[in-house]
C-alpha atoms as a PDB file:
ATOM      1  CA  MET A   1     119.443 -87.366 152.025  1.00  0.00           C
ATOM      2  CA  PRO A   2     116.669 -86.499 149.568  1.00  0.00           C
ATOM      3  CA  GLY A   3     114.937 -84.523 152.322  1.00  0.00           C
ATOM      4  CA  LYS A   4     118.085 -82.513 153.096  1.00  0.00           C
ATOM      5  CA  CYS A   5     118.673 -81.847 149.425  1.00  0.00           C
ATOM      6  CA  PHE A   6     115.099 -80.643 149.076  1.00  0.00           C
ATOM      7  CA  ASP A   7     115.542 -78.351 152.088  1.00  0.00           C
ATOM      8  CA  ARG A   8     118.654 -76.808 150.532  1.00  0.00           C
ATOM      9  CA  GLN A   9     116.756 -76.208 147.313  1.00  0.00           C
ATOM     10  CA  ILE A  10     113.929 -74.513 149.242  1.00  0.00           C
ATOM     11  CA  ARG A  11     116.382 -72.317 151.131  1.00  0.00           C
ATOM     12  CA  SER A  12     118.167 -71.401 147.898  1.00  0.00           C
ATOM     13  CA  ALA A  13     114.879 -70.555 146.208  1.00  0.00           C
ATOM     14  CA  LEU A  14     113.820 -68.406 149.161  1.00  0.00           C
ATOM     15  CA  LEU A  15     117.158 -66.595 149.153  1.00  0.00           C
ATOM     16  CA  ILE A  16     116.895 -65.901 145.409  1.00  0.00           C
ATOM     17  CA  SER A  17     113.326 -64.690 145.916  1.00  0.00           C
ATOM     18  CA  ILE A  18     114.425 -62.314 148.682  1.00  0.00           C
ATOM     19  CA  ILE A  19     117.263 -60.942 146.552  1.00  0.00           C
ATOM     20  CA  LEU A  20     115.007 -60.443 143.534  1.00  0.00           C
ATOM     21  CA  SER A  21     112.363 -58.774 145.696  1.00  0.00           C
ATOM     22  CA  ALA A  22     114.969 -56.401 147.116  1.00  0.00           C
ATOM     23  CA  LEU A  23     116.225 -55.535 143.627  1.00  0.00           C
ATOM     24  CA  LEU A  24     112.676 -55.022 142.405  1.00  0.00           C
ATOM     25  CA  PHE A  25     111.909 -52.757 145.366  1.00  0.00           C
ATOM     26  CA  THR A  26     115.097 -50.764 144.760  1.00  0.00           C
ATOM     27  CA  ASN A  27     114.300 -50.287 141.081  1.00  0.00           C
ATOM     28  CA  CYS A  28     110.708 -49.303 141.867  1.00  0.00           C
ATOM     29  CA  SER A  29     111.951 -46.835 144.484  1.00  0.00           C
ATOM     30  CA  LYS A  30     114.297 -45.259 141.919  1.00  0.00           C
ATOM     31  CA  LYS A  31     111.524 -44.971 139.350  1.00  0.00           C
ATOM     32  CA  ILE A  32     109.183 -43.404 141.906  1.00  0.00           C
ATOM     33  CA  LYS A  33     111.816 -40.788 142.757  1.00  0.00           C
ATOM     34  CA  ASP A  34     112.454 -40.084 139.072  1.00  0.00           C
ATOM     35  CA  VAL A  35     108.741 -39.586 138.411  1.00  0.00           C
ATOM     36  CA  GLU A  36     108.417 -37.348 141.475  1.00  0.00           C
ATOM     37  CA  LEU A  37     111.313 -35.224 140.232  1.00  0.00           C
ATOM     38  CA  ARG A  38     109.791 -34.829 136.775  1.00  0.00           C
ATOM     39  CA  VAL A  39     106.361 -33.932 138.148  1.00  0.00           C
ATOM     40  CA  MET A  40     107.800 -31.410 140.620  1.00  0.00           C
ATOM     41  CA  SER A  41     110.019 -29.812 138.004  1.00  0.00           C
ATOM     42  CA  ALA A  42     107.152 -29.558 135.514  1.00  0.00           C
ATOM     43  CA  SER A  43     104.975 -27.865 138.124  1.00  0.00           C
ATOM     44  CA  PHE A  44     107.722 -25.305 138.831  1.00  0.00           C
ATOM     45  CA  ALA A  45     108.128 -24.568 135.127  1.00  0.00           C
ATOM     46  CA  THR A  46     104.377 -24.180 134.703  1.00  0.00           C
ATOM     47  CA  SER A  47     104.186 -21.814 137.668  1.00  0.00           C
ATOM     48  CA  TYR A  48     106.801 -19.526 136.108  1.00  0.00           C
ATOM     49  CA  ASP A  49     105.588 -20.038 132.523  1.00  0.00           C
ATOM     50  CA  ILE A  50     108.942 -21.471 131.410  1.00  0.00           C
ATOM     51  CA  ASN A  51     109.672 -24.273 128.969  1.00  0.00           C
ATOM     52  CA  GLU A  52     111.733 -27.250 130.082  1.00  0.00           C
ATOM     53  CA  ILE A  53     114.197 -29.469 128.286  1.00  0.00           C
ATOM     54  CA  SER A  54     114.540 -33.079 129.416  1.00  0.00           C
ATOM     55  CA  ILE A  55     117.901 -34.397 130.546  1.00  0.00           C
ATOM     56  CA  GLU A  56     117.731 -37.005 127.778  1.00  0.00           C
ATOM     57  CA  GLU A  57     117.216 -34.433 125.030  1.00  0.00           C
ATOM     58  CA  TYR A  58     119.827 -32.090 126.451  1.00  0.00           C
ATOM     59  CA  ARG A  59     122.382 -34.893 126.850  1.00  0.00           C
ATOM     60  CA  SER A  60     121.894 -36.260 123.331  1.00  0.00           C
ATOM     61  CA  SER A  61     121.286 -33.102 121.318  1.00  0.00           C
ATOM     62  CA  TRP A  62     122.797 -30.128 123.162  1.00  0.00           C
ATOM     63  CA  TRP A  63     125.481 -30.972 125.698  1.00  0.00           C
ATOM     64  CA  ASN A  64     128.905 -30.368 124.138  1.00  0.00           C
ATOM     65  CA  GLN A  65     127.224 -29.952 120.745  1.00  0.00           C
ATOM     66  CA  LYS A  66     124.898 -27.098 119.824  1.00  0.00           C
ATOM     67  CA  LYS A  67     125.915 -23.541 120.627  1.00  0.00           C
ATOM     68  CA  HIS A  68     124.250 -22.412 123.838  1.00  0.00           C
ATOM     69  CA  ILE A  69     124.979 -21.385 127.419  1.00  0.00           C
ATOM     70  CA  LEU A  70     124.437 -23.732 130.365  1.00  0.00           C
ATOM     71  CA  LEU A  71     124.004 -21.787 133.610  1.00  0.00           C
ATOM     72  CA  ASP A  72     124.183 -23.242 137.110  1.00  0.00           C
ATOM     73  CA  VAL A  73     121.998 -21.115 139.415  1.00  0.00           C
ATOM     74  CA  ARG A  74     122.772 -23.024 142.637  1.00  0.00           C
ATOM     75  CA  THR A  75     124.821 -21.746 145.542  1.00  0.00           C
ATOM     76  CA  ALA A  76     128.618 -21.774 145.576  1.00  0.00           C
ATOM     77  CA  ALA A  77     128.570 -24.522 148.232  1.00  0.00           C
ATOM     78  CA  GLU A  78     126.492 -26.744 145.966  1.00  0.00           C
ATOM     79  CA  GLN A  79     128.713 -26.044 142.984  1.00  0.00           C
ATOM     80  CA  ARG A  80     131.867 -26.979 144.892  1.00  0.00           C
ATOM     81  CA  VAL A  81     130.543 -30.531 145.343  1.00  0.00           C
ATOM     82  CA  SER A  82     129.770 -31.082 141.662  1.00  0.00           C
ATOM     83  CA  ILE A  83     128.620 -29.432 138.453  1.00  0.00           C
ATOM     84  CA  ILE A  84     127.585 -30.475 134.958  1.00  0.00           C
ATOM     85  CA  ASN A  85     130.751 -30.083 132.942  1.00  0.00           C
ATOM     86  CA  GLY A  86     130.728 -26.977 130.759  1.00  0.00           C
ATOM     87  CA  SER A  87     128.272 -25.053 132.911  1.00  0.00           C
ATOM     88  CA  VAL A  88     128.808 -21.474 134.007  1.00  0.00           C
ATOM     89  CA  PRO A  89     127.904 -20.241 137.506  1.00  0.00           C
ATOM     90  CA  GLN A  90     125.124 -17.664 137.602  1.00  0.00           C
ATOM     91  CA  ASN A  91     124.387 -15.623 140.702  1.00  0.00           C
ATOM     92  CA  PRO A  92     120.556 -15.598 140.803  1.00  0.00           C
ATOM     93  CA  GLU A  93     120.690 -12.290 142.683  1.00  0.00           C
ATOM     94  CA  LEU A  94     122.216 -10.520 139.669  1.00  0.00           C
ATOM     95  CA  PRO A  95     120.690  -9.889 136.218  1.00  0.00           C
ATOM     96  CA  ALA A  96     121.844 -12.378 133.598  1.00  0.00           C
ATOM     97  CA  VAL A  97     123.247  -9.603 131.422  1.00  0.00           C
ATOM     98  CA  HIS A  98     125.886  -9.027 134.114  1.00  0.00           C
ATOM     99  CA  ASN A  99     127.209 -12.546 133.611  1.00  0.00           C
ATOM    100  CA  PRO A 100     130.209 -12.271 131.234  1.00  0.00           C
ATOM    101  CA  ALA A 101     129.327 -15.579 129.540  1.00  0.00           C
ATOM    102  CA  VAL A 102     125.833 -14.315 128.717  1.00  0.00           C
ATOM    103  CA  ALA A 103     126.854 -10.740 127.911  1.00  0.00           C
ATOM    104  CA  ALA A 104     129.488 -11.943 125.444  1.00  0.00           C
ATOM    105  CA  LEU A 105     126.780 -13.450 123.221  1.00  0.00           C
ATOM    106  CA  LEU A 106     124.174 -10.711 123.468  1.00  0.00           C
ATOM    107  CA  PRO A 107     123.917  -7.620 121.290  1.00  0.00           C
ATOM    108  CA  PRO A 108     125.636  -4.742 123.129  1.00  0.00           C
ATOM    109  CA  LEU A 109     123.415  -2.672 125.413  1.00  0.00           C
ATOM    110  CA  THR A 110     125.013   0.513 124.147  1.00  0.00           C
ATOM    111  CA  ALA A 111     127.986   1.377 121.987  1.00  0.00           C
ATOM    112  CA  ALA A 112     129.956   2.191 125.131  1.00  0.00           C
ATOM    113  CA  SER A 113     129.208  -1.192 126.720  1.00  0.00           C
ATOM    114  CA  THR A 114     130.597  -3.291 123.874  1.00  0.00           C
ATOM    115  CA  THR A 115     133.292  -5.676 125.162  1.00  0.00           C
ATOM    116  CA  ASP A 116     136.210  -7.137 123.248  1.00  0.00           C
ATOM    117  CA  ALA A 117     134.559 -10.567 123.291  1.00  0.00           C
ATOM    118  CA  ARG A 118     131.309  -9.473 121.699  1.00  0.00           C
ATOM    119  CA  PRO A 119     132.323  -8.726 118.091  1.00  0.00           C
ATOM    120  CA  ASN A 120     133.318 -12.366 117.447  1.00  0.00           C
ATOM    121  CA  ASN A 121     130.754 -14.187 119.575  1.00  0.00           C
ATOM    122  CA  GLN A 122     127.592 -12.151 119.828  1.00  0.00           C
ATOM    123  CA  VAL A 123     124.392 -13.424 118.267  1.00  0.00           C
ATOM    124  CA  ASP A 124     123.455 -11.821 114.957  1.00  0.00           C
ATOM    125  CA  SER A 125     120.029 -10.679 113.861  1.00  0.00           C
ATOM    126  CA  GLY A 126     117.865 -13.678 113.036  1.00  0.00           C
ATOM    127  CA  GLN A 127     120.004 -16.127 115.031  1.00  0.00           C
ATOM    128  CA  LYS A 128     118.773 -18.031 118.055  1.00  0.00           C
ATOM    129  CA  LEU A 129     120.383 -17.660 121.458  1.00  0.00           C
ATOM    130  CA  THR A 130     119.594 -20.580 123.757  1.00  0.00           C
ATOM    131  CA  ILE A 131     120.259 -20.440 127.491  1.00  0.00           C
ATOM    132  CA  VAL A 132     119.662 -23.537 129.623  1.00  0.00           C
ATOM    133  CA  LEU A 133     119.505 -23.160 133.401  1.00  0.00           C
ATOM    134  CA  TYR A 134     119.713 -25.837 136.069  1.00  0.00           C
ATOM    135  CA  CYS A 135     119.553 -26.033 139.838  1.00  0.00           C
ATOM    136  CA  ALA A 136     118.993 -28.960 142.205  1.00  0.00           C
ATOM    137  CA  ALA A 137     115.530 -30.052 141.059  1.00  0.00           C
ATOM    138  CA  GLY A 138     114.038 -27.308 138.876  1.00  0.00           C
ATOM    139  CA  LEU A 139     112.572 -24.678 141.215  1.00  0.00           C
ATOM    140  CA  ARG A 140     115.333 -22.080 141.200  1.00  0.00           C
ATOM    141  CA  SER A 141     116.128 -22.604 137.535  1.00  0.00           C
ATOM    142  CA  ALA A 142     112.502 -21.973 136.533  1.00  0.00           C
ATOM    143  CA  ARG A 143     112.334 -18.852 138.687  1.00  0.00           C
ATOM    144  CA  SER A 144     115.675 -17.575 137.403  1.00  0.00           C
ATOM    145  CA  ALA A 145     114.677 -18.291 133.803  1.00  0.00           C
ATOM    146  CA  ARG A 146     111.564 -16.154 134.226  1.00  0.00           C
ATOM    147  CA  GLU A 147     113.613 -13.278 135.645  1.00  0.00           C
ATOM    148  CA  MET A 148     116.277 -13.708 132.984  1.00  0.00           C
ATOM    149  CA  LEU A 149     113.760 -13.438 130.146  1.00  0.00           C
ATOM    150  CA  ARG A 150     112.354 -10.284 131.698  1.00  0.00           C
ATOM    151  CA  ASP A 151     115.753  -8.694 132.220  1.00  0.00           C
ATOM    152  CA  ILE A 152     117.174  -9.497 128.793  1.00  0.00           C
ATOM    153  CA  ARG A 153     114.061  -8.409 126.922  1.00  0.00           C
ATOM    154  CA  SER A 154     113.890  -5.135 128.816  1.00  0.00           C
ATOM    155  CA  LEU A 155     117.593  -4.270 128.685  1.00  0.00           C
ATOM    156  CA  VAL A 156     118.979  -5.651 125.445  1.00  0.00           C
ATOM    157  CA  PRO A 157     118.134  -3.989 122.118  1.00  0.00           C
ATOM    158  CA  GLY A 158     117.002  -6.428 119.454  1.00  0.00           C
ATOM    159  CA  THR A 159     115.414  -9.060 121.724  1.00  0.00           C
ATOM    160  CA  SER A 160     112.150  -7.130 121.547  1.00  0.00           C
ATOM    161  CA  SER A 161     110.767  -4.387 119.342  1.00  0.00           C
ATOM    162  CA  PRO A 162     107.848  -1.928 119.395  1.00  0.00           C
ATOM    163  CA  ASN A 163     105.685  -4.296 117.342  1.00  0.00           C
ATOM    164  CA  GLY A 164     106.462  -7.162 119.695  1.00  0.00           C
ATOM    165  CA  ARG A 165     108.461  -9.125 117.131  1.00  0.00           C
ATOM    166  CA  PRO A 166     111.949  -9.994 118.392  1.00  0.00           C
ATOM    167  CA  GLN A 167     114.862  -9.440 116.041  1.00  0.00           C
ATOM    168  CA  TYR A 168     116.877 -11.973 118.016  1.00  0.00           C
ATOM    169  CA  ALA A 169     115.373 -15.386 118.791  1.00  0.00           C
ATOM    170  CA  LEU A 170     115.868 -15.845 122.512  1.00  0.00           C
ATOM    171  CA  GLN A 171     115.186 -19.238 124.083  1.00  0.00           C
ATOM    172  CA  VAL A 172     115.554 -19.725 127.846  1.00  0.00           C
ATOM    173  CA  LEU A 173     114.955 -23.256 129.138  1.00  0.00           C
ATOM    174  CA  SER A 174     114.973 -24.977 132.517  1.00  0.00           C
ATOM    175  CA  LEU A 175     116.645 -28.397 132.727  1.00  0.00           C
ATOM    176  CA  SER A 176     113.934 -30.810 133.874  1.00  0.00           C
ATOM    177  CA  GLY A 177     114.744 -32.307 137.273  1.00  0.00           C
ATOM    178  CA  GLY A 178     117.969 -30.320 137.525  1.00  0.00           C
ATOM    179  CA  ILE A 179     121.274 -31.848 138.496  1.00  0.00           C
ATOM    180  CA  PHE A 180     119.388 -34.417 140.617  1.00  0.00           C
ATOM    181  CA  ALA A 181     117.797 -35.994 137.538  1.00  0.00           C
ATOM    182  CA  TRP A 182     121.097 -35.718 135.648  1.00  0.00           C
ATOM    183  CA  ALA A 183     123.015 -37.494 138.416  1.00  0.00           C
ATOM    184  CA  ASN A 184     120.317 -40.133 138.999  1.00  0.00           C
ATOM    185  CA  ALA A 185     120.558 -41.064 135.323  1.00  0.00           C
ATOM    186  CA  GLY A 186     124.296 -41.652 135.708  1.00  0.00           C
ATOM    187  CA  TYR A 187     125.286 -38.789 133.420  1.00  0.00           C
ATOM    188  CA  PRO A 188     128.777 -37.279 133.913  1.00  0.00           C
ATOM    189  CA  LEU A 189     129.535 -34.873 136.752  1.00  0.00           C
ATOM    190  CA  VAL A 190     132.757 -33.154 137.727  1.00  0.00           C
ATOM    191  CA  SER A 191     133.909 -31.590 140.957  1.00  0.00           C
ATOM    192  CA  GLY A 192     133.451 -27.851 141.043  1.00  0.00           C
ATOM    193  CA  THR A 193     136.868 -27.427 142.653  1.00  0.00           C
ATOM    194  CA  ASP A 194     139.242 -29.595 140.612  1.00  0.00           C
ATOM    195  CA  GLN A 195     137.138 -30.842 137.657  1.00  0.00           C
ATOM    196  CA  SER A 196     137.675 -34.484 138.625  1.00  0.00           C
ATOM    197  CA  SER A 197     134.946 -37.000 137.843  1.00  0.00           C
ATOM    198  CA  THR A 198     132.507 -37.550 140.717  1.00  0.00           C
ATOM    199  CA  ARG A 199     129.120 -39.021 141.595  1.00  0.00           C
ATOM    200  CA  ARG A 200     128.602 -36.745 144.588  1.00  0.00           C
ATOM    201  CA  VAL A 201     125.780 -34.198 144.498  1.00  0.00           C
ATOM    202  CA  HIS A 202     124.875 -31.574 147.072  1.00  0.00           C
ATOM    203  CA  GLY A 203     121.423 -32.544 148.350  1.00  0.00           C
ATOM    204  CA  TYR A 204     120.403 -28.941 149.197  1.00  0.00           C
ATOM    205  CA  ASN A 205     118.550 -30.092 152.336  1.00  0.00           C
ATOM    206  CA  PRO A 206     117.485 -33.461 153.814  1.00  0.00           C
ATOM    207  CA  GLU A 207     113.996 -33.283 152.329  1.00  0.00           C
ATOM    208  CA  TRP A 208     115.265 -32.687 148.800  1.00  0.00           C
ATOM    209  CA  ALA A 209     118.249 -35.029 149.154  1.00  0.00           C
ATOM    210  CA  ARG A 210     115.902 -38.021 149.443  1.00  0.00           C
ATOM    211  CA  LEU A 211     115.174 -37.602 145.709  1.00  0.00           C
ATOM    212  CA  LEU A 212     118.739 -38.622 144.871  1.00  0.00           C
ATOM    213  CA  HIS A 213     119.485 -42.298 144.293  1.00  0.00           C
ATOM    214  CA  ALA A 214     122.298 -44.520 143.030  1.00  0.00           C
ATOM    215  CA  PRO A 215     124.511 -43.964 141.176  1.00  0.00           C
ATOM    216  CA  ALA A 216     124.295 -40.448 142.650  1.00  0.00           C
ATOM    217  CA  ILE A 217     125.685 -39.930 146.156  1.00  0.00           C
ATOM    218  CA  ALA A 218     123.905 -37.276 148.228  1.00  0.00           C
ATOM    219  CA  VAL A 219     126.070 -34.855 150.200  1.00  0.00           C
ATOM    220  CA  LEU A 220     124.807 -32.342 152.748  1.00  0.00           C
ATOM    221  CA  GLY A 221     126.562 -29.545 154.570  1.00  0.00           C
ATOM    222  CA  LYS A 222     128.593 -26.531 153.566  1.00  0.00           C
ATOM    223  CA  ASP A 223     131.303 -28.523 151.785  1.00  0.00           C
END
């Protein structure tokens, strides 16, 4: 009897050890993916000379709080699966000033181009306009942010001046790690079709989808 009892204790200890090892491996795997995402995203931002904002800072200090615009520069197929609530779709093929959400806050290009929404919402001289962009993991958002800065500064009066001093403080940021990092952290997502809560995220392609981990659920394909 003592021998059998000892054997059961050994088996129980081994089972607990296996479970703990599996949990430890899972947690390490998640942390490795998170670090890889941050490093990749930072390298993209550096390549395009764009500043990033971490998901933690954005979640705590900006999301649903400070006045800004959150632009989703992914494809329509990706956006149908899920989005960060409150974001606005931005076609990366078009200049940002053509996006109604952006144009409504900017000083009018000309007197003739002033829209009904601008008088109440547009940024005034000396104010700061912050635009945050996100994609899957930070590449497209960094590239789009670079193009957006160029387009706005060249087309919109007041964001630059002959002496190089902007009358309007323009801040364009890329969300570090994109929606992948946001979803991996367990932050809220909604379906792009019906606004219901979801954990599903379009993985873009198999190579990039591997960077997603629980609680996020990677989805591939057109839908």
